[in-house]
Amino acid sequence: MGPVIVAVRNAWNWMSAKWYVRPIVQQLVGFNALVVRAFTESIAAQQETTVELHQLQIEIGLLREEIERLQARGPAEDG
């Protein structure tokens, strides 16, 4: 009787893995791929934002220097 039980158990495990577990695993793999893609896109967007922020900081610095230069000239030299 023992070998029959082992054979039935093995058959059940194979069937449950094939028809139940595999689709779930495939869904998880697909979901994980989407999460990885979303993180990758998020990192790329963050890097672009960092570059834009750095460029804006440089521009702000240049504008501050221009304002200081104009203020140093005084009101008489504006016209």
PDB file of N, CA and C in Angstrom:
ATOM      1  N   MET A   1       0.824  -1.208   0.000  1.00  0.00           N
ATOM      2  CA  MET A   1       0.000   0.000   0.000  1.00  0.00           C
ATOM      3  C   MET A   1       0.859   1.259   0.000  1.00  0.00           C
ATOM      4  N   GLY A   2       2.019   1.201   0.641  1.00  0.00           N
ATOM      5  CA  GLY A   2       2.905   2.352   0.724  1.00  0.00           C
ATOM      6  C   GLY A   2       3.315   2.896  -0.643  1.00  0.00           C
ATOM      7  N   PRO A   3       3.738   2.053  -1.583  1.00  0.00           N
ATOM      8  CA  PRO A   3       4.114   2.564  -2.908  1.00  0.00           C
ATOM      9  C   PRO A   3       2.955   3.205  -3.654  1.00  0.00           C
ATOM     10  N   VAL A   4       1.744   2.730  -3.444  1.00  0.00           N
ATOM     11  CA  VAL A   4       0.572   3.326  -4.090  1.00  0.00           C
ATOM     12  C   VAL A   4       0.339   4.732  -3.534  1.00  0.00           C
ATOM     13  N   ILE A   5       0.454   4.874  -2.238  1.00  0.00           N
ATOM     14  CA  ILE A   5       0.273   6.190  -1.614  1.00  0.00           C
ATOM     15  C   ILE A   5       1.337   7.165  -2.118  1.00  0.00           C
ATOM     16  N   VAL A   6       2.579   6.686  -2.206  1.00  0.00           N
ATOM     17  CA  VAL A   6       3.670   7.527  -2.699  1.00  0.00           C
ATOM     18  C   VAL A   6       3.397   7.923  -4.142  1.00  0.00           C
ATOM     19  N   ALA A   7       2.929   6.995  -4.951  1.00  0.00           N
ATOM     20  CA  ALA A   7       2.646   7.292  -6.358  1.00  0.00           C
ATOM     21  C   ALA A   7       1.513   8.305  -6.485  1.00  0.00           C
ATOM     22  N   VAL A   8       0.466   8.135  -5.678  1.00  0.00           N
ATOM     23  CA  VAL A   8      -0.664   9.070  -5.716  1.00  0.00           C
ATOM     24  C   VAL A   8      -0.204  10.453  -5.242  1.00  0.00           C
ATOM     25  N   ARG A   9       0.571  10.483  -4.169  1.00  0.00           N
ATOM     26  CA  ARG A   9       1.074  11.759  -3.657  1.00  0.00           C
ATOM     27  C   ARG A   9       1.942  12.450  -4.705  1.00  0.00           C
ATOM     28  N   ASN A  10       2.822  11.718  -5.352  1.00  0.00           N
ATOM     29  CA  ASN A  10       3.680  12.298  -6.394  1.00  0.00           C
ATOM     30  C   ASN A  10       2.861  12.816  -7.574  1.00  0.00           C
ATOM     31  N   ALA A  11       1.847  12.042  -7.940  1.00  0.00           N
ATOM     32  CA  ALA A  11       0.977  12.479  -9.038  1.00  0.00           C
ATOM     33  C   ALA A  11       0.232  13.750  -8.641  1.00  0.00           C
ATOM     34  N   TRP A  12      -0.265  13.801  -7.423  1.00  0.00           N
ATOM     35  CA  TRP A  12      -0.974  14.989  -6.944  1.00  0.00           C
ATOM     36  C   TRP A  12      -0.048  16.207  -6.911  1.00  0.00           C
ATOM     37  N   ASN A  13       1.155  16.024  -6.400  1.00  0.00           N
ATOM     38  CA  ASN A  13       2.107  17.125  -6.350  1.00  0.00           C
ATOM     39  C   ASN A  13       2.422  17.640  -7.754  1.00  0.00           C
ATOM     40  N   TRP A  14       2.582  16.736  -8.690  1.00  0.00           N
ATOM     41  CA  TRP A  14       2.879  17.140 -10.058  1.00  0.00           C
ATOM     42  C   TRP A  14       1.704  17.921 -10.657  1.00  0.00           C
ATOM     43  N   MET A  15       0.485  17.410 -10.440  1.00  0.00           N
ATOM     44  CA  MET A  15      -0.706  18.072 -10.990  1.00  0.00           C
ATOM     45  C   MET A  15      -0.913  19.439 -10.329  1.00  0.00           C
ATOM     46  N   SER A  16      -0.764  19.491  -9.020  1.00  0.00           N
ATOM     47  CA  SER A  16      -0.995  20.760  -8.342  1.00  0.00           C
ATOM     48  C   SER A  16       0.061  21.779  -8.757  1.00  0.00           C
ATOM     49  N   ALA A  17       1.281  21.323  -8.947  1.00  0.00           N
ATOM     50  CA  ALA A  17       2.334  22.248  -9.388  1.00  0.00           C
ATOM     51  C   ALA A  17       2.055  22.737 -10.801  1.00  0.00           C
ATOM     52  N   LYS A  18       1.623  21.833 -11.646  1.00  0.00           N
ATOM     53  CA  LYS A  18       1.411  22.209 -13.043  1.00  0.00           C
ATOM     54  C   LYS A  18       0.193  23.110 -13.203  1.00  0.00           C
ATOM     55  N   TRP A  19      -0.917  22.765 -12.591  1.00  0.00           N
ATOM     56  CA  TRP A  19      -2.174  23.464 -12.864  1.00  0.00           C
ATOM     57  C   TRP A  19      -2.519  24.555 -11.860  1.00  0.00           C
ATOM     58  N   TYR A  20      -1.885  24.554 -10.703  1.00  0.00           N
ATOM     59  CA  TYR A  20      -2.224  25.546  -9.693  1.00  0.00           C
ATOM     60  C   TYR A  20      -1.063  26.486  -9.412  1.00  0.00           C
ATOM     61  N   VAL A  21       0.085  25.923  -9.122  1.00  0.00           N
ATOM     62  CA  VAL A  21       1.221  26.745  -8.696  1.00  0.00           C
ATOM     63  C   VAL A  21       1.848  27.490  -9.869  1.00  0.00           C
ATOM     64  N   ARG A  22       2.019  26.855 -10.992  1.00  0.00           N
ATOM     65  CA  ARG A  22       2.687  27.505 -12.128  1.00  0.00           C
ATOM     66  C   ARG A  22       2.010  28.801 -12.571  1.00  0.00           C
ATOM     67  N   PRO A  23       0.682  28.831 -12.726  1.00  0.00           N
ATOM     68  CA  PRO A  23       0.056  30.110 -13.108  1.00  0.00           C
ATOM     69  C   PRO A  23       0.279  31.210 -12.064  1.00  0.00           C
ATOM     70  N   ILE A  24       0.268  30.841 -10.802  1.00  0.00           N
ATOM     71  CA  ILE A  24       0.522  31.834  -9.750  1.00  0.00           C
ATOM     72  C   ILE A  24       1.949  32.344  -9.851  1.00  0.00           C
ATOM     73  N   VAL A  25       2.876  31.431 -10.049  1.00  0.00           N
ATOM     74  CA  VAL A  25       4.281  31.838 -10.195  1.00  0.00           C
ATOM     75  C   VAL A  25       4.445  32.729 -11.421  1.00  0.00           C
ATOM     76  N   GLN A  26       3.781  32.392 -12.514  1.00  0.00           N
ATOM     77  CA  GLN A  26       3.868  33.225 -13.716  1.00  0.00           C
ATOM     78  C   GLN A  26       3.303  34.622 -13.449  1.00  0.00           C
ATOM     79  N   GLN A  27       2.211  34.702 -12.701  1.00  0.00           N
ATOM     80  CA  GLN A  27       1.655  36.013 -12.352  1.00  0.00           C
ATOM     81  C   GLN A  27       2.633  36.806 -11.489  1.00  0.00           C
ATOM     82  N   LEU A  28       3.253  36.130 -10.537  1.00  0.00           N
ATOM     83  CA  LEU A  28       4.227  36.810  -9.687  1.00  0.00           C
ATOM     84  C   LEU A  28       5.427  37.293 -10.484  1.00  0.00           C
ATOM     85  N   VAL A  29       5.895  36.483 -11.397  1.00  0.00           N
ATOM     86  CA  VAL A  29       7.028  36.884 -12.237  1.00  0.00           C
ATOM     87  C   VAL A  29       6.643  38.100 -13.078  1.00  0.00           C
ATOM     88  N   GLY A  30       5.454  38.085 -13.653  1.00  0.00           N
ATOM     89  CA  GLY A  30       4.987  39.236 -14.430  1.00  0.00           C
ATOM     90  C   GLY A  30       4.858  40.484 -13.578  1.00  0.00           C
ATOM     91  N   PHE A  31       4.294  40.337 -12.384  1.00  0.00           N
ATOM     92  CA  PHE A  31       4.152  41.473 -11.479  1.00  0.00           C
ATOM     93  C   PHE A  31       5.517  42.014 -11.086  1.00  0.00           C
ATOM     94  N   ASN A  32       6.434  41.121 -10.740  1.00  0.00           N
ATOM     95  CA  ASN A  32       7.774  41.553 -10.358  1.00  0.00           C
ATOM     96  C   ASN A  32       8.465  42.293 -11.501  1.00  0.00           C
ATOM     97  N   ALA A  33       8.265  41.831 -12.722  1.00  0.00           N
ATOM     98  CA  ALA A  33       8.853  42.519 -13.874  1.00  0.00           C
ATOM     99  C   ALA A  33       8.287  43.930 -13.994  1.00  0.00           C
ATOM    100  N   LEU A  34       6.986  44.086 -13.766  1.00  0.00           N
ATOM    101  CA  LEU A  34       6.376  45.421 -13.802  1.00  0.00           C
ATOM    102  C   LEU A  34       6.914  46.323 -12.694  1.00  0.00           C
ATOM    103  N   VAL A  35       7.115  45.757 -11.520  1.00  0.00           N
ATOM    104  CA  VAL A  35       7.662  46.536 -10.403  1.00  0.00           C
ATOM    105  C   VAL A  35       9.080  46.989 -10.723  1.00  0.00           C
ATOM    106  N   VAL A  36       9.879  46.084 -11.264  1.00  0.00           N
ATOM    107  CA  VAL A  36      11.253  46.439 -11.626  1.00  0.00           C
ATOM    108  C   VAL A  36      11.246  47.542 -12.677  1.00  0.00           C
ATOM    109  N   ARG A  37      10.364  47.429 -13.668  1.00  0.00           N
ATOM    110  CA  ARG A  37      10.280  48.467 -14.701  1.00  0.00           C
ATOM    111  C   ARG A  37       9.851  49.804 -14.108  1.00  0.00           C
ATOM    112  N   ALA A  38       8.895  49.766 -13.196  1.00  0.00           N
ATOM    113  CA  ALA A  38       8.435  51.004 -12.559  1.00  0.00           C
ATOM    114  C   ALA A  38       9.555  51.640 -11.748  1.00  0.00           C
ATOM    115  N   PHE A  39      10.308  50.839 -10.997  1.00  0.00           N
ATOM    116  CA  PHE A  39      11.434  51.378 -10.239  1.00  0.00           C
ATOM    117  C   PHE A  39      12.492  51.952 -11.169  1.00  0.00           C
ATOM    118  N   THR A  40      12.776  51.257 -12.256  1.00  0.00           N
ATOM    119  CA  THR A  40      13.774  51.722 -13.218  1.00  0.00           C
ATOM    120  C   THR A  40      13.351  53.054 -13.824  1.00  0.00           C
ATOM    121  N   GLU A  41      12.085  53.154 -14.209  1.00  0.00           N
ATOM    122  CA  GLU A  41      11.585  54.412 -14.765  1.00  0.00           C
ATOM    123  C   GLU A  41      11.607  55.525 -13.724  1.00  0.00           C
ATOM    124  N   SER A  42      11.290  55.182 -12.478  1.00  0.00           N
ATOM    125  CA  SER A  42      11.311  56.161 -11.403  1.00  0.00           C
ATOM    126  C   SER A  42      12.730  56.676 -11.157  1.00  0.00           C
ATOM    127  N   ILE A  43      13.692  55.789 -11.169  1.00  0.00           N
ATOM    128  CA  ILE A  43      15.086  56.190 -10.984  1.00  0.00           C
ATOM    129  C   ILE A  43      15.534  57.088 -12.124  1.00  0.00           C
ATOM    130  N   ALA A  44      15.163  56.743 -13.359  1.00  0.00           N
ATOM    131  CA  ALA A  44      15.529  57.572 -14.507  1.00  0.00           C
ATOM    132  C   ALA A  44      14.904  58.958 -14.392  1.00  0.00           C
ATOM    133  N   ALA A  45      13.655  59.018 -13.983  1.00  0.00           N
ATOM    134  CA  ALA A  45      12.981  60.312 -13.824  1.00  0.00           C
ATOM    135  C   ALA A  45      13.634  61.121 -12.709  1.00  0.00           C
ATOM    136  N   GLN A  46      14.023  60.460 -11.648  1.00  0.00           N
ATOM    137  CA  GLN A  46      14.683  61.152 -10.541  1.00  0.00           C
ATOM    138  C   GLN A  46      16.033  61.697 -10.988  1.00  0.00           C
ATOM    139  N   GLN A  47      16.754  60.937 -11.781  1.00  0.00           N
ATOM    140  CA  GLN A  47      18.045  61.402 -12.286  1.00  0.00           C
ATOM    141  C   GLN A  47      17.870  62.616 -13.198  1.00  0.00           C
ATOM    142  N   GLU A  48      16.852  62.585 -14.049  1.00  0.00           N
ATOM    143  CA  GLU A  48      16.571  63.737 -14.910  1.00  0.00           C
ATOM    144  C   GLU A  48      16.220  64.963 -14.075  1.00  0.00           C
ATOM    145  N   THR A  49      15.420  64.753 -13.036  1.00  0.00           N
ATOM    146  CA  THR A  49      15.034  65.858 -12.157  1.00  0.00           C
ATOM    147  C   THR A  49      16.260  66.425 -11.448  1.00  0.00           C
ATOM    148  N   THR A  50      17.161  65.560 -11.039  1.00  0.00           N
ATOM    149  CA  THR A  50      18.387  66.009 -10.377  1.00  0.00           C
ATOM    150  C   THR A  50      19.225  66.868 -11.311  1.00  0.00           C
ATOM    151  N   VAL A  51      19.333  66.461 -12.564  1.00  0.00           N
ATOM    152  CA  VAL A  51      20.089  67.237 -13.543  1.00  0.00           C
ATOM    153  C   VAL A  51      19.419  68.590 -13.767  1.00  0.00           C
ATOM    154  N   GLU A  52      18.097  68.595 -13.918  1.00  0.00           N
ATOM    155  CA  GLU A  52      17.364  69.848 -14.115  1.00  0.00           C
ATOM    156  C   GLU A  52      17.524  70.767 -12.905  1.00  0.00           C
ATOM    157  N   LEU A  53      17.460  70.200 -11.711  1.00  0.00           N
ATOM    158  CA  LEU A  53      17.628  70.986 -10.493  1.00  0.00           C
ATOM    159  C   LEU A  53      19.017  71.612 -10.442  1.00  0.00           C
ATOM    160  N   HIS A  54      20.015  70.839 -10.791  1.00  0.00           N
ATOM    161  CA  HIS A  54      21.385  71.361 -10.805  1.00  0.00           C
ATOM    162  C   HIS A  54      21.512  72.514 -11.802  1.00  0.00           C
ATOM    163  N   GLN A  55      20.919  72.349 -12.976  1.00  0.00           N
ATOM    164  CA  GLN A  55      20.957  73.418 -13.982  1.00  0.00           C
ATOM    165  C   GLN A  55      20.243  74.668 -13.479  1.00  0.00           C
ATOM    166  N   LEU A  56      19.117  74.473 -12.800  1.00  0.00           N
ATOM    167  CA  LEU A  56      18.392  75.622 -12.253  1.00  0.00           C
ATOM    168  C   LEU A  56      19.187  76.308 -11.141  1.00  0.00           C
ATOM    169  N   GLN A  57      19.875  75.531 -10.340  1.00  0.00           N
ATOM    170  CA  GLN A  57      20.706  76.112  -9.288  1.00  0.00           C
ATOM    171  C   GLN A  57      21.825  76.963  -9.893  1.00  0.00           C
ATOM    172  N   ILE A  58      22.421  76.486 -10.956  1.00  0.00           N
ATOM    173  CA  ILE A  58      23.455  77.267 -11.645  1.00  0.00           C
ATOM    174  C   ILE A  58      22.860  78.562 -12.192  1.00  0.00           C
ATOM    175  N   GLU A  59      21.705  78.453 -12.821  1.00  0.00           N
ATOM    176  CA  GLU A  59      21.045  79.640 -13.375  1.00  0.00           C
ATOM    177  C   GLU A  59      20.679  80.637 -12.275  1.00  0.00           C
ATOM    178  N   ILE A  60      20.190  80.153 -11.162  1.00  0.00           N
ATOM    179  CA  ILE A  60      19.856  81.032 -10.033  1.00  0.00           C
ATOM    180  C   ILE A  60      21.112  81.732  -9.533  1.00  0.00           C
ATOM    181  N   GLY A  61      22.195  81.003  -9.443  1.00  0.00           N
ATOM    182  CA  GLY A  61      23.453  81.612  -9.013  1.00  0.00           C
ATOM    183  C   GLY A  61      23.899  82.713  -9.954  1.00  0.00           C
ATOM    184  N   LEU A  62      23.778  82.471 -11.252  1.00  0.00           N
ATOM    185  CA  LEU A  62      24.154  83.484 -12.243  1.00  0.00           C
ATOM    186  C   LEU A  62      23.233  84.701 -12.147  1.00  0.00           C
ATOM    187  N   LEU A  63      21.954  84.465 -11.943  1.00  0.00           N
ATOM    188  CA  LEU A  63      21.015  85.584 -11.801  1.00  0.00           C
ATOM    189  C   LEU A  63      21.301  86.397 -10.535  1.00  0.00           C
ATOM    190  N   ARG A  64      21.658  85.719  -9.451  1.00  0.00           N
ATOM    191  CA  ARG A  64      22.019  86.442  -8.227  1.00  0.00           C
ATOM    192  C   ARG A  64      23.246  87.319  -8.459  1.00  0.00           C
ATOM    193  N   GLU A  65      24.223  86.759  -9.168  1.00  0.00           N
ATOM    194  CA  GLU A  65      25.422  87.545  -9.476  1.00  0.00           C
ATOM    195  C   GLU A  65      25.066  88.763 -10.316  1.00  0.00           C
ATOM    196  N   GLU A  66      24.163  88.578 -11.276  1.00  0.00           N
ATOM    197  CA  GLU A  66      23.737  89.703 -12.126  1.00  0.00           C
ATOM    198  C   GLU A  66      23.006  90.766 -11.303  1.00  0.00           C
ATOM    199  N   ILE A  67      22.140  90.309 -10.380  1.00  0.00           N
ATOM    200  CA  ILE A  67      21.424  91.253  -9.512  1.00  0.00           C
ATOM    201  C   ILE A  67      22.414  92.030  -8.652  1.00  0.00           C
ATOM    202  N   GLU A  68      23.375  91.337  -8.069  1.00  0.00           N
ATOM    203  CA  GLU A  68      24.381  92.019  -7.247  1.00  0.00           C
ATOM    204  C   GLU A  68      25.189  93.018  -8.080  1.00  0.00           C
ATOM    205  N   ARG A  69      25.511  92.640  -9.306  1.00  0.00           N
ATOM    206  CA  ARG A  69      26.266  93.544 -10.181  1.00  0.00           C
ATOM    207  C   ARG A  69      25.439  94.785 -10.495  1.00  0.00           C
ATOM    208  N   LEU A  70      24.159  94.596 -10.791  1.00  0.00           N
ATOM    209  CA  LEU A  70      23.287  95.733 -11.098  1.00  0.00           C
ATOM    210  C   LEU A  70      23.070  96.607  -9.871  1.00  0.00           C
ATOM    211  N   GLN A  71      22.924  95.991  -8.717  1.00  0.00           N
ATOM    212  CA  GLN A  71      22.756  96.773  -7.487  1.00  0.00           C
ATOM    213  C   GLN A  71      24.018  97.566  -7.167  1.00  0.00           C
ATOM    214  N   ALA A  72      25.162  96.998  -7.474  1.00  0.00           N
ATOM    215  CA  ALA A  72      26.419  97.693  -7.196  1.00  0.00           C
ATOM    216  C   ALA A  72      26.596  98.897  -8.110  1.00  0.00           C
ATOM    217  N   ARG A  73      26.019  98.847  -9.318  1.00  0.00           N
ATOM    218  CA  ARG A  73      26.121  99.976 -10.247  1.00  0.00           C
ATOM    219  C   ARG A  73      25.397 101.213  -9.691  1.00  0.00           C
ATOM    220  N   GLY A  74      24.311 100.975  -9.017  1.00  0.00           N
ATOM    221  CA  GLY A  74      23.541 102.069  -8.445  1.00  0.00           C
ATOM    222  C   GLY A  74      22.484 102.579  -9.409  1.00  0.00           C
ATOM    223  N   PRO A  75      21.527 103.321  -8.897  1.00  0.00           N
ATOM    224  CA  PRO A  75      20.397 103.799  -9.714  1.00  0.00           C
ATOM    225  C   PRO A  75      20.811 104.811 -10.777  1.00  0.00           C
ATOM    226  N   ALA A  76      21.844 105.567 -10.590  1.00  0.00           N
ATOM    227  CA  ALA A  76      22.248 106.613 -11.539  1.00  0.00           C
ATOM    228  C   ALA A  76      22.758 106.019 -12.833  1.00  0.00           C
ATOM    229  N   GLU A  77      23.274 104.813 -12.811  1.00  0.00           N
ATOM    230  CA  GLU A  77      23.872 104.224 -14.004  1.00  0.00           C
ATOM    231  C   GLU A  77      22.871 103.367 -14.789  1.00  0.00           C
ATOM    232  N   ASP A  78      21.643 103.240 -14.348  1.00  0.00           N
ATOM    233  CA  ASP A  78      20.661 102.374 -15.011  1.00  0.00           C
ATOM    234  C   ASP A  78      20.200 102.936 -16.337  1.00  0.00           C
ATOM    235  N   GLY A  79      20.132 104.192 -16.505  1.00  0.00           N
ATOM    236  CA  GLY A  79      19.520 104.790 -17.676  1.00  0.00           C
ATOM    237  C   GLY A  79      20.481 105.061 -18.729  1.00  0.00           C
TER     238      GLY A  79
END
